[in-house]
Amino acid sequence: MNIENPAALHFIMQDDLFFLNSDKNLYNNKVVADEVPVAQAVSVPPVAIAPVVEIAASEKPVEFKYHGKNNKNFLVLVHYPALEFIHETHLIALDNILKRKGFELQDVAIFNIAKYDAVNLETLTTYFKPQKMLILGKSALPQGIVPLALNVPQQVAGFAALYSFSFDEMMDNNDYKKAFWEQMKGL
């Protein structure tokens, strides 16, 4: 430790120092040092130090891109590898279905599971906090979900879930549309 100002010694060394008789003669010659200006102590207001929170790599918050605003915690899972969210004609059909149920597109979150590798049910439920979930197509099933029967509403992890046909399957088949709509009315 290098102390440039002798006035600071009393802060560091709080014990009294005594010279031995044999050492007193060494210090009898007084040397006057040039006066060194001492900066006045600046009072600094105390600063609150935020606690350090360590986030492990696996605990990093997940961000998902989805269509809608999830205002009513209604999660719609789709699988479109070539699109960001959902095909335009399928979105129009879904919007019409939702309107019949009293929902708007802003009330739901349309999540394209094809854009995220290895998304599991727990991650989705933590992020979206769904009260209802609609799974459109076998490819849209998230990992870790219990086996679901086709077109049978079930309770999964505390919310209502309906697993049904994808829009690609339903667009050309009226029986699939009817089966889907009958179950969708009760969801």
N, C-alpha and C. Protein backbone atom coordinates (compact mmCIF):
# COMPACT_ATOMS: atom_id res chain seq x y z
N MET A 1 0.86 -1.17 0.00
CA MET A 1 0.00 0.00 0.00
C MET A 1 0.90 1.23 0.00
N ASN A 2 0.58 2.18 -0.82
CA ASN A 2 1.37 3.39 -0.95
C ASN A 2 0.52 4.56 -0.48
N ILE A 3 0.96 5.23 0.57
CA ILE A 3 0.25 6.38 1.12
C ILE A 3 1.06 7.62 0.76
N GLU A 4 0.50 8.53 0.02
CA GLU A 4 1.21 9.73 -0.39
C GLU A 4 1.03 10.86 0.60
N ASN A 5 -0.01 10.87 1.32
CA ASN A 5 -0.26 11.93 2.28
C ASN A 5 -0.14 11.37 3.69
N PRO A 6 0.81 11.89 4.48
CA PRO A 6 0.99 11.36 5.84
C PRO A 6 -0.23 11.58 6.74
N ALA A 7 -1.09 12.52 6.39
CA ALA A 7 -2.28 12.75 7.21
C ALA A 7 -3.23 11.56 7.15
N ALA A 8 -3.08 10.74 6.14
CA ALA A 8 -3.96 9.58 5.99
C ALA A 8 -3.51 8.41 6.85
N LEU A 9 -2.31 8.49 7.39
CA LEU A 9 -1.81 7.37 8.20
C LEU A 9 -2.68 7.09 9.42
N HIS A 10 -3.21 8.14 10.03
CA HIS A 10 -4.00 7.89 11.24
C HIS A 10 -5.29 7.13 10.94
N PHE A 11 -5.75 7.13 9.68
CA PHE A 11 -6.91 6.33 9.32
C PHE A 11 -6.55 4.86 9.16
N ILE A 12 -5.34 4.61 8.71
CA ILE A 12 -4.91 3.24 8.46
C ILE A 12 -4.33 2.60 9.71
N MET A 13 -3.47 3.34 10.37
CA MET A 13 -2.82 2.82 11.59
C MET A 13 -3.44 3.50 12.79
N GLN A 14 -4.23 2.79 13.51
CA GLN A 14 -4.95 3.38 14.62
C GLN A 14 -4.25 3.18 15.96
N ASP A 15 -3.13 2.50 15.96
CA ASP A 15 -2.38 2.30 17.19
C ASP A 15 -1.35 3.41 17.36
N ASP A 16 -0.99 3.70 18.61
CA ASP A 16 0.05 4.69 18.87
C ASP A 16 1.40 4.09 18.57
N LEU A 17 2.31 4.93 18.03
CA LEU A 17 3.66 4.48 17.71
C LEU A 17 4.64 5.15 18.67
N PHE A 18 5.59 4.41 19.11
CA PHE A 18 6.61 4.93 20.02
C PHE A 18 7.98 4.62 19.44
N PHE A 19 8.91 5.57 19.60
CA PHE A 19 10.28 5.36 19.16
C PHE A 19 11.10 4.79 20.29
N LEU A 20 12.02 3.96 19.94
CA LEU A 20 13.01 3.50 20.91
C LEU A 20 14.06 4.60 21.05
N ASN A 21 14.73 4.63 22.19
CA ASN A 21 15.73 5.69 22.42
C ASN A 21 16.79 5.70 21.33
N SER A 22 17.16 4.54 20.85
CA SER A 22 18.21 4.49 19.83
C SER A 22 17.71 5.02 18.48
N ASP A 23 16.41 5.01 18.24
CA ASP A 23 15.87 5.45 16.96
C ASP A 23 15.49 6.93 16.95
N LYS A 24 15.42 7.56 18.13
CA LYS A 24 14.99 8.96 18.19
C LYS A 24 15.94 9.87 17.42
N ASN A 25 17.23 9.57 17.45
CA ASN A 25 18.20 10.44 16.79
C ASN A 25 18.05 10.40 15.26
N LEU A 26 17.55 9.33 14.74
CA LEU A 26 17.38 9.23 13.29
C LEU A 26 16.32 10.21 12.77
N TYR A 27 15.40 10.55 13.61
CA TYR A 27 14.27 11.38 13.18
C TYR A 27 14.31 12.80 13.74
N ASN A 28 15.42 13.20 14.33
CA ASN A 28 15.51 14.55 14.89
C ASN A 28 15.61 15.61 13.80
N ASN A 29 16.18 15.25 12.67
CA ASN A 29 16.27 16.22 11.58
C ASN A 29 14.88 16.38 10.97
N LYS A 30 14.40 17.59 11.07
CA LYS A 30 13.06 17.84 10.55
C LYS A 30 13.16 18.23 9.09
N VAL A 31 12.42 17.56 8.30
CA VAL A 31 12.35 17.86 6.88
C VAL A 31 10.97 18.43 6.62
N VAL A 32 10.97 19.61 6.02
CA VAL A 32 9.69 20.24 5.71
C VAL A 32 9.32 19.86 4.28
N ALA A 33 8.23 19.25 4.17
CA ALA A 33 7.76 18.84 2.85
C ALA A 33 6.97 19.97 2.23
N ASP A 34 7.01 20.00 0.92
CA ASP A 34 6.19 20.98 0.22
C ASP A 34 4.73 20.69 0.56
N GLU A 35 4.00 21.76 0.71
CA GLU A 35 2.60 21.55 1.04
C GLU A 35 1.87 20.96 -0.17
N VAL A 36 1.22 19.89 0.12
CA VAL A 36 0.44 19.22 -0.92
C VAL A 36 -1.02 19.57 -0.67
N PRO A 37 -1.67 20.12 -1.68
CA PRO A 37 -3.08 20.44 -1.45
C PRO A 37 -3.88 19.16 -1.24
N VAL A 38 -4.70 19.22 -0.25
CA VAL A 38 -5.53 18.07 0.09
C VAL A 38 -6.95 18.37 -0.40
N ALA A 39 -7.44 17.47 -1.18
CA ALA A 39 -8.81 17.64 -1.68
C ALA A 39 -9.78 17.43 -0.54
N GLN A 40 -10.76 18.28 -0.51
CA GLN A 40 -11.74 18.13 0.56
C GLN A 40 -12.63 16.93 0.26
N ALA A 41 -13.03 16.31 1.31
CA ALA A 41 -13.90 15.14 1.16
C ALA A 41 -15.25 15.58 0.62
N VAL A 42 -15.69 14.91 -0.38
CA VAL A 42 -16.98 15.20 -0.99
C VAL A 42 -17.99 14.22 -0.41
N SER A 43 -19.05 14.79 0.11
CA SER A 43 -20.06 13.88 0.65
C SER A 43 -20.89 13.33 -0.50
N VAL A 44 -20.94 12.03 -0.56
CA VAL A 44 -21.69 11.35 -1.61
C VAL A 44 -22.90 10.71 -0.96
N PRO A 45 -24.07 10.99 -1.49
CA PRO A 45 -25.25 10.36 -0.89
C PRO A 45 -25.17 8.85 -1.07
N PRO A 46 -25.69 8.12 -0.09
CA PRO A 46 -25.63 6.66 -0.20
C PRO A 46 -26.42 6.17 -1.41
N VAL A 47 -25.89 5.18 -2.03
CA VAL A 47 -26.52 4.60 -3.21
C VAL A 47 -26.98 3.20 -2.86
N ALA A 48 -28.21 2.92 -3.20
CA ALA A 48 -28.72 1.56 -2.96
C ALA A 48 -28.12 0.63 -4.00
N ILE A 49 -27.55 -0.44 -3.54
CA ILE A 49 -26.94 -1.41 -4.43
C ILE A 49 -27.95 -2.52 -4.66
N ALA A 50 -28.26 -2.74 -5.92
CA ALA A 50 -29.22 -3.78 -6.28
C ALA A 50 -28.60 -5.14 -6.04
N PRO A 51 -29.36 -6.07 -5.50
CA PRO A 51 -28.82 -7.41 -5.30
C PRO A 51 -28.54 -8.08 -6.64
N VAL A 52 -27.52 -8.87 -6.67
CA VAL A 52 -27.15 -9.58 -7.88
C VAL A 52 -27.98 -10.85 -7.96
N VAL A 53 -28.70 -10.98 -9.05
CA VAL A 53 -29.51 -12.17 -9.27
C VAL A 53 -28.89 -12.93 -10.42
N GLU A 54 -28.48 -14.15 -10.15
CA GLU A 54 -27.87 -14.95 -11.19
C GLU A 54 -28.95 -15.75 -11.91
N ILE A 55 -28.94 -15.67 -13.22
CA ILE A 55 -29.88 -16.44 -14.03
C ILE A 55 -29.08 -17.46 -14.79
N ALA A 56 -29.38 -18.70 -14.53
CA ALA A 56 -28.68 -19.77 -15.24
C ALA A 56 -29.12 -19.75 -16.70
N ALA A 57 -28.31 -20.34 -17.54
CA ALA A 57 -28.61 -20.34 -18.98
C ALA A 57 -29.96 -21.00 -19.27
N SER A 58 -30.30 -22.03 -18.50
CA SER A 58 -31.56 -22.72 -18.74
C SER A 58 -32.75 -21.93 -18.21
N GLU A 59 -32.50 -20.95 -17.31
CA GLU A 59 -33.59 -20.18 -16.73
C GLU A 59 -33.80 -18.86 -17.46
N LYS A 60 -33.13 -18.67 -18.57
CA LYS A 60 -33.26 -17.43 -19.31
C LYS A 60 -34.71 -17.28 -19.77
N PRO A 61 -35.32 -16.11 -19.55
CA PRO A 61 -36.70 -15.94 -19.95
C PRO A 61 -36.89 -16.18 -21.44
N VAL A 62 -37.95 -16.87 -21.76
CA VAL A 62 -38.23 -17.22 -23.15
C VAL A 62 -39.16 -16.17 -23.73
N GLU A 63 -38.88 -15.75 -24.95
CA GLU A 63 -39.74 -14.82 -25.66
C GLU A 63 -40.28 -15.54 -26.90
N PHE A 64 -41.58 -15.45 -27.09
CA PHE A 64 -42.22 -16.07 -28.24
C PHE A 64 -42.89 -14.99 -29.08
N LYS A 65 -42.88 -15.20 -30.39
CA LYS A 65 -43.63 -14.34 -31.30
C LYS A 65 -44.94 -15.06 -31.59
N TYR A 66 -46.03 -14.33 -31.49
CA TYR A 66 -47.34 -14.91 -31.75
C TYR A 66 -48.27 -13.85 -32.31
N HIS A 67 -49.34 -14.30 -32.95
CA HIS A 67 -50.33 -13.40 -33.54
C HIS A 67 -51.45 -13.20 -32.53
N GLY A 68 -51.89 -11.98 -32.34
CA GLY A 68 -52.93 -11.67 -31.36
C GLY A 68 -52.31 -11.07 -30.12
N LYS A 69 -53.15 -10.81 -29.12
CA LYS A 69 -52.67 -10.19 -27.88
C LYS A 69 -52.91 -11.04 -26.64
N ASN A 70 -53.56 -12.17 -26.80
CA ASN A 70 -53.81 -13.09 -25.68
C ASN A 70 -54.58 -12.41 -24.55
N ASN A 71 -55.52 -11.53 -24.90
CA ASN A 71 -56.28 -10.80 -23.89
C ASN A 71 -57.12 -11.71 -23.00
N LYS A 72 -57.60 -12.82 -23.54
CA LYS A 72 -58.46 -13.72 -22.76
C LYS A 72 -57.80 -15.07 -22.52
N ASN A 73 -56.48 -15.11 -22.62
CA ASN A 73 -55.69 -16.32 -22.32
C ASN A 73 -56.19 -17.54 -23.08
N PHE A 74 -56.39 -17.38 -24.35
CA PHE A 74 -56.84 -18.45 -25.24
C PHE A 74 -55.69 -18.72 -26.20
N LEU A 75 -55.04 -19.86 -26.07
CA LEU A 75 -53.89 -20.21 -26.88
C LEU A 75 -54.30 -21.14 -28.02
N VAL A 76 -53.94 -20.76 -29.24
CA VAL A 76 -54.21 -21.58 -30.43
C VAL A 76 -52.86 -22.03 -30.98
N LEU A 77 -52.62 -23.33 -30.98
CA LEU A 77 -51.36 -23.88 -31.49
C LEU A 77 -51.56 -24.36 -32.92
N VAL A 78 -50.70 -23.89 -33.81
CA VAL A 78 -50.75 -24.29 -35.22
C VAL A 78 -49.37 -24.74 -35.65
N HIS A 79 -49.29 -25.34 -36.83
CA HIS A 79 -48.01 -25.80 -37.36
C HIS A 79 -47.92 -25.42 -38.84
N TYR A 80 -47.17 -24.37 -39.13
CA TYR A 80 -46.95 -23.88 -40.50
C TYR A 80 -45.45 -23.63 -40.67
N PRO A 81 -44.68 -24.61 -41.14
CA PRO A 81 -43.23 -24.43 -41.27
C PRO A 81 -42.82 -23.30 -42.21
N ALA A 82 -43.60 -23.02 -43.23
CA ALA A 82 -43.21 -22.02 -44.23
C ALA A 82 -43.72 -20.61 -43.89
N LEU A 83 -44.55 -20.48 -42.86
CA LEU A 83 -45.15 -19.17 -42.54
C LEU A 83 -44.75 -18.73 -41.14
N GLU A 84 -44.89 -17.43 -40.90
CA GLU A 84 -44.56 -16.92 -39.58
C GLU A 84 -45.62 -17.30 -38.55
N PHE A 85 -46.90 -17.17 -38.92
CA PHE A 85 -47.96 -17.50 -37.97
C PHE A 85 -48.94 -18.52 -38.56
N ILE A 86 -49.81 -18.06 -39.46
CA ILE A 86 -50.88 -18.91 -39.98
C ILE A 86 -51.21 -18.45 -41.41
N HIS A 87 -51.68 -19.37 -42.23
CA HIS A 87 -52.07 -19.04 -43.61
C HIS A 87 -53.23 -18.06 -43.58
N GLU A 88 -53.24 -17.12 -44.50
CA GLU A 88 -54.24 -16.04 -44.51
C GLU A 88 -55.68 -16.56 -44.58
N THR A 89 -55.95 -17.53 -45.44
CA THR A 89 -57.32 -18.06 -45.53
C THR A 89 -57.70 -18.81 -44.26
N HIS A 90 -56.75 -19.44 -43.63
CA HIS A 90 -57.01 -20.15 -42.38
C HIS A 90 -57.25 -19.15 -41.25
N LEU A 91 -56.56 -18.02 -41.30
CA LEU A 91 -56.77 -16.97 -40.30
C LEU A 91 -58.18 -16.40 -40.41
N ILE A 92 -58.65 -16.22 -41.62
CA ILE A 92 -60.02 -15.72 -41.83
C ILE A 92 -61.03 -16.73 -41.29
N ALA A 93 -60.82 -18.01 -41.56
CA ALA A 93 -61.72 -19.05 -41.05
C ALA A 93 -61.69 -19.09 -39.52
N LEU A 94 -60.50 -18.99 -38.94
CA LEU A 94 -60.38 -18.99 -37.47
C LEU A 94 -61.05 -17.76 -36.88
N ASP A 95 -60.90 -16.62 -37.52
CA ASP A 95 -61.53 -15.39 -37.04
C ASP A 95 -63.05 -15.55 -37.03
N ASN A 96 -63.62 -16.14 -38.07
CA ASN A 96 -65.07 -16.36 -38.12
C ASN A 96 -65.52 -17.31 -37.02
N ILE A 97 -64.75 -18.34 -36.76
CA ILE A 97 -65.08 -19.29 -35.69
C ILE A 97 -65.04 -18.60 -34.34
N LEU A 98 -63.99 -17.80 -34.12
CA LEU A 98 -63.85 -17.10 -32.85
C LEU A 98 -64.98 -16.09 -32.64
N LYS A 99 -65.38 -15.41 -33.69
CA LYS A 99 -66.48 -14.44 -33.57
C LYS A 99 -67.78 -15.12 -33.16
N ARG A 100 -68.03 -16.32 -33.67
CA ARG A 100 -69.23 -17.07 -33.26
C ARG A 100 -69.18 -17.44 -31.79
N LYS A 101 -67.98 -17.56 -31.25
CA LYS A 101 -67.83 -17.89 -29.82
C LYS A 101 -67.73 -16.63 -28.96
N GLY A 102 -67.75 -15.44 -29.58
CA GLY A 102 -67.66 -14.19 -28.82
C GLY A 102 -66.24 -13.72 -28.58
N PHE A 103 -65.30 -14.21 -29.35
CA PHE A 103 -63.90 -13.80 -29.22
C PHE A 103 -63.47 -13.00 -30.44
N GLU A 104 -62.45 -12.19 -30.25
CA GLU A 104 -61.80 -11.47 -31.34
C GLU A 104 -60.39 -12.04 -31.49
N LEU A 105 -59.73 -11.71 -32.60
CA LEU A 105 -58.35 -12.17 -32.79
C LEU A 105 -57.42 -11.63 -31.70
N GLN A 106 -57.74 -10.46 -31.14
CA GLN A 106 -56.91 -9.90 -30.08
C GLN A 106 -57.05 -10.67 -28.77
N ASP A 107 -58.10 -11.45 -28.64
CA ASP A 107 -58.34 -12.21 -27.42
C ASP A 107 -57.52 -13.48 -27.35
N VAL A 108 -56.98 -13.92 -28.48
CA VAL A 108 -56.25 -15.19 -28.53
C VAL A 108 -54.78 -14.95 -28.87
N ALA A 109 -53.98 -15.97 -28.64
CA ALA A 109 -52.58 -15.98 -29.08
C ALA A 109 -52.44 -17.14 -30.05
N ILE A 110 -52.16 -16.83 -31.31
CA ILE A 110 -51.96 -17.86 -32.33
C ILE A 110 -50.46 -18.10 -32.41
N PHE A 111 -50.05 -19.26 -31.96
CA PHE A 111 -48.63 -19.58 -31.84
C PHE A 111 -48.26 -20.68 -32.84
N ASN A 112 -47.32 -20.38 -33.72
CA ASN A 112 -46.85 -21.34 -34.72
C ASN A 112 -45.72 -22.15 -34.11
N ILE A 113 -46.03 -23.35 -33.69
CA ILE A 113 -45.07 -24.21 -32.99
C ILE A 113 -43.94 -24.68 -33.91
N ALA A 114 -44.13 -24.58 -35.22
CA ALA A 114 -43.11 -25.01 -36.18
C ALA A 114 -41.88 -24.10 -36.14
N LYS A 115 -42.01 -22.90 -35.63
CA LYS A 115 -40.90 -21.95 -35.60
C LYS A 115 -40.01 -22.10 -34.38
N TYR A 116 -40.35 -23.00 -33.46
CA TYR A 116 -39.58 -23.17 -32.23
C TYR A 116 -39.26 -24.65 -32.04
N ASP A 117 -37.99 -24.94 -31.89
CA ASP A 117 -37.56 -26.32 -31.68
C ASP A 117 -37.85 -26.75 -30.24
N ALA A 118 -38.36 -27.92 -30.11
CA ALA A 118 -38.53 -28.58 -28.81
C ALA A 118 -39.27 -27.72 -27.79
N VAL A 119 -40.39 -27.15 -28.17
CA VAL A 119 -41.21 -26.39 -27.23
C VAL A 119 -42.08 -27.38 -26.47
N ASN A 120 -42.02 -27.30 -25.14
CA ASN A 120 -42.83 -28.23 -24.36
C ASN A 120 -44.02 -27.51 -23.73
N LEU A 121 -44.94 -28.30 -23.23
CA LEU A 121 -46.18 -27.77 -22.68
C LEU A 121 -45.91 -26.86 -21.49
N GLU A 122 -44.97 -27.24 -20.64
CA GLU A 122 -44.69 -26.44 -19.44
C GLU A 122 -44.22 -25.04 -19.81
N THR A 123 -43.35 -24.93 -20.80
CA THR A 123 -42.86 -23.63 -21.24
C THR A 123 -44.00 -22.78 -21.79
N LEU A 124 -44.87 -23.39 -22.57
CA LEU A 124 -46.00 -22.67 -23.14
C LEU A 124 -46.97 -22.20 -22.07
N THR A 125 -47.28 -23.06 -21.11
CA THR A 125 -48.23 -22.67 -20.06
C THR A 125 -47.64 -21.60 -19.14
N THR A 126 -46.34 -21.65 -18.92
CA THR A 126 -45.70 -20.62 -18.10
C THR A 126 -45.75 -19.27 -18.81
N TYR A 127 -45.50 -19.27 -20.09
CA TYR A 127 -45.45 -18.02 -20.85
C TYR A 127 -46.85 -17.46 -21.14
N PHE A 128 -47.75 -18.29 -21.66
CA PHE A 128 -49.06 -17.81 -22.10
C PHE A 128 -50.13 -17.84 -21.02
N LYS A 129 -49.97 -18.67 -20.00
CA LYS A 129 -50.95 -18.85 -18.93
C LYS A 129 -52.37 -19.05 -19.49
N PRO A 130 -52.53 -20.08 -20.34
CA PRO A 130 -53.83 -20.26 -21.01
C PRO A 130 -54.92 -20.75 -20.07
N GLN A 131 -56.14 -20.31 -20.35
CA GLN A 131 -57.32 -20.88 -19.71
C GLN A 131 -57.98 -21.86 -20.67
N LYS A 132 -57.72 -21.64 -21.97
CA LYS A 132 -58.21 -22.53 -23.02
C LYS A 132 -57.09 -22.70 -24.04
N MET A 133 -57.04 -23.91 -24.61
CA MET A 133 -56.04 -24.19 -25.64
C MET A 133 -56.68 -24.97 -26.77
N LEU A 134 -56.44 -24.51 -27.99
CA LEU A 134 -56.91 -25.18 -29.19
C LEU A 134 -55.68 -25.63 -29.96
N ILE A 135 -55.58 -26.94 -30.22
CA ILE A 135 -54.44 -27.50 -30.94
C ILE A 135 -54.94 -27.97 -32.29
N LEU A 136 -54.45 -27.32 -33.35
CA LEU A 136 -54.93 -27.61 -34.70
C LEU A 136 -53.93 -28.47 -35.45
N GLY A 137 -54.15 -29.77 -35.41
CA GLY A 137 -53.31 -30.71 -36.14
C GLY A 137 -52.33 -31.45 -35.26
N LYS A 138 -52.00 -32.66 -35.69
CA LYS A 138 -51.08 -33.50 -34.93
C LYS A 138 -49.70 -32.86 -34.80
N SER A 139 -49.27 -32.16 -35.82
CA SER A 139 -47.95 -31.52 -35.80
C SER A 139 -47.88 -30.37 -34.80
N ALA A 140 -49.01 -29.85 -34.38
CA ALA A 140 -49.03 -28.72 -33.45
C ALA A 140 -49.01 -29.16 -31.99
N LEU A 141 -49.02 -30.46 -31.73
CA LEU A 141 -48.99 -30.94 -30.34
C LEU A 141 -47.64 -30.61 -29.71
N PRO A 142 -47.63 -29.94 -28.56
CA PRO A 142 -46.35 -29.64 -27.91
C PRO A 142 -45.79 -30.87 -27.21
N GLN A 143 -44.50 -30.87 -27.00
CA GLN A 143 -43.87 -31.97 -26.27
C GLN A 143 -44.35 -31.95 -24.82
N GLY A 144 -44.50 -33.12 -24.24
CA GLY A 144 -44.87 -33.23 -22.84
C GLY A 144 -46.35 -33.15 -22.56
N ILE A 145 -47.18 -33.08 -23.57
CA ILE A 145 -48.62 -33.04 -23.35
C ILE A 145 -49.14 -34.47 -23.23
N VAL A 146 -50.13 -34.64 -22.38
CA VAL A 146 -50.73 -35.96 -22.22
C VAL A 146 -51.41 -36.34 -23.53
N PRO A 147 -51.53 -37.62 -23.83
CA PRO A 147 -52.21 -38.01 -25.08
C PRO A 147 -53.65 -37.50 -25.07
N LEU A 148 -54.01 -36.83 -26.14
CA LEU A 148 -55.36 -36.26 -26.26
C LEU A 148 -56.14 -37.00 -27.33
N ALA A 149 -57.42 -37.19 -27.05
CA ALA A 149 -58.31 -37.79 -28.05
C ALA A 149 -58.74 -36.71 -29.03
N LEU A 150 -58.87 -37.08 -30.28
CA LEU A 150 -59.24 -36.15 -31.33
C LEU A 150 -60.67 -35.66 -31.13
N ASN A 151 -60.85 -34.35 -31.15
CA ASN A 151 -62.16 -33.70 -31.02
C ASN A 151 -62.90 -34.06 -29.73
N VAL A 152 -62.15 -34.18 -28.64
CA VAL A 152 -62.75 -34.40 -27.33
C VAL A 152 -62.14 -33.38 -26.37
N PRO A 153 -62.93 -32.39 -25.92
CA PRO A 153 -62.38 -31.41 -24.97
C PRO A 153 -61.95 -32.11 -23.68
N GLN A 154 -60.77 -31.74 -23.19
CA GLN A 154 -60.22 -32.35 -21.98
C GLN A 154 -59.58 -31.28 -21.12
N GLN A 155 -59.43 -31.59 -19.84
CA GLN A 155 -58.69 -30.73 -18.94
C GLN A 155 -57.23 -31.16 -18.96
N VAL A 156 -56.35 -30.21 -19.23
CA VAL A 156 -54.91 -30.48 -19.27
C VAL A 156 -54.22 -29.40 -18.44
N ALA A 157 -53.51 -29.80 -17.42
CA ALA A 157 -52.73 -28.87 -16.59
C ALA A 157 -53.57 -27.69 -16.10
N GLY A 158 -54.82 -27.91 -15.80
CA GLY A 158 -55.67 -26.87 -15.23
C GLY A 158 -56.41 -25.99 -16.22
N PHE A 159 -56.41 -26.33 -17.49
CA PHE A 159 -57.16 -25.55 -18.47
C PHE A 159 -57.82 -26.50 -19.47
N ALA A 160 -58.83 -25.97 -20.17
CA ALA A 160 -59.56 -26.76 -21.16
C ALA A 160 -58.75 -26.80 -22.46
N ALA A 161 -58.63 -27.99 -23.03
CA ALA A 161 -57.87 -28.16 -24.27
C ALA A 161 -58.70 -28.96 -25.26
N LEU A 162 -58.60 -28.56 -26.53
CA LEU A 162 -59.25 -29.28 -27.61
C LEU A 162 -58.21 -29.54 -28.69
N TYR A 163 -58.02 -30.82 -28.98
CA TYR A 163 -57.12 -31.23 -30.06
C TYR A 163 -57.99 -31.62 -31.24
N SER A 164 -57.75 -30.97 -32.39
CA SER A 164 -58.59 -31.23 -33.56
C SER A 164 -57.74 -31.28 -34.82
N PHE A 165 -58.42 -31.34 -35.94
CA PHE A 165 -57.76 -31.40 -37.24
C PHE A 165 -57.09 -30.06 -37.55
N SER A 166 -56.09 -30.11 -38.41
CA SER A 166 -55.48 -28.86 -38.88
C SER A 166 -56.42 -28.23 -39.90
N PHE A 167 -56.23 -26.95 -40.16
CA PHE A 167 -57.07 -26.29 -41.16
C PHE A 167 -56.86 -26.88 -42.54
N ASP A 168 -55.66 -27.35 -42.85
CA ASP A 168 -55.43 -28.00 -44.14
C ASP A 168 -56.34 -29.21 -44.30
N GLU A 169 -56.53 -29.97 -43.23
CA GLU A 169 -57.40 -31.15 -43.27
C GLU A 169 -58.88 -30.75 -43.33
N MET A 170 -59.24 -29.69 -42.59
CA MET A 170 -60.65 -29.30 -42.51
C MET A 170 -61.16 -28.57 -43.73
N MET A 171 -60.32 -27.86 -44.44
CA MET A 171 -60.78 -27.03 -45.56
C MET A 171 -61.46 -27.85 -46.66
N ASP A 172 -61.04 -29.08 -46.83
CA ASP A 172 -61.59 -29.91 -47.91
C ASP A 172 -62.58 -30.97 -47.43
N ASN A 173 -62.87 -31.00 -46.13
CA ASN A 173 -63.70 -32.08 -45.61
C ASN A 173 -64.79 -31.51 -44.71
N ASN A 174 -66.02 -31.55 -45.15
CA ASN A 174 -67.13 -31.00 -44.37
C ASN A 174 -67.38 -31.78 -43.08
N ASP A 175 -67.15 -33.08 -43.09
CA ASP A 175 -67.33 -33.88 -41.87
C ASP A 175 -66.36 -33.44 -40.78
N TYR A 176 -65.11 -33.16 -41.16
CA TYR A 176 -64.11 -32.68 -40.20
C TYR A 176 -64.52 -31.32 -39.64
N LYS A 177 -65.04 -30.46 -40.52
CA LYS A 177 -65.48 -29.13 -40.08
C LYS A 177 -66.61 -29.24 -39.06
N LYS A 178 -67.59 -30.12 -39.36
CA LYS A 178 -68.73 -30.30 -38.45
C LYS A 178 -68.28 -30.86 -37.11
N ALA A 179 -67.41 -31.87 -37.14
CA ALA A 179 -66.92 -32.47 -35.90
C ALA A 179 -66.15 -31.44 -35.07
N PHE A 180 -65.35 -30.64 -35.74
CA PHE A 180 -64.59 -29.59 -35.04
C PHE A 180 -65.53 -28.56 -34.43
N TRP A 181 -66.49 -28.07 -35.21
CA TRP A 181 -67.38 -27.03 -34.72
C TRP A 181 -68.24 -27.50 -33.56
N GLU A 182 -68.71 -28.74 -33.59
CA GLU A 182 -69.52 -29.27 -32.48
C GLU A 182 -68.73 -29.24 -31.17
N GLN A 183 -67.47 -29.57 -31.22
CA GLN A 183 -66.65 -29.57 -30.00
C GLN A 183 -66.18 -28.16 -29.64
N MET A 184 -65.96 -27.35 -30.64
CA MET A 184 -65.51 -25.98 -30.40
C MET A 184 -66.57 -25.16 -29.68
N LYS A 185 -67.85 -25.47 -29.94
CA LYS A 185 -68.94 -24.75 -29.27
C LYS A 185 -68.85 -24.92 -27.76
N GLY A 186 -68.40 -26.09 -27.31
CA GLY A 186 -68.34 -26.36 -25.88
C GLY A 186 -67.05 -25.93 -25.20
N LEU A 187 -66.08 -25.52 -25.98
CA LEU A 187 -64.78 -25.13 -25.39
C LEU A 187 -64.85 -23.76 -24.77
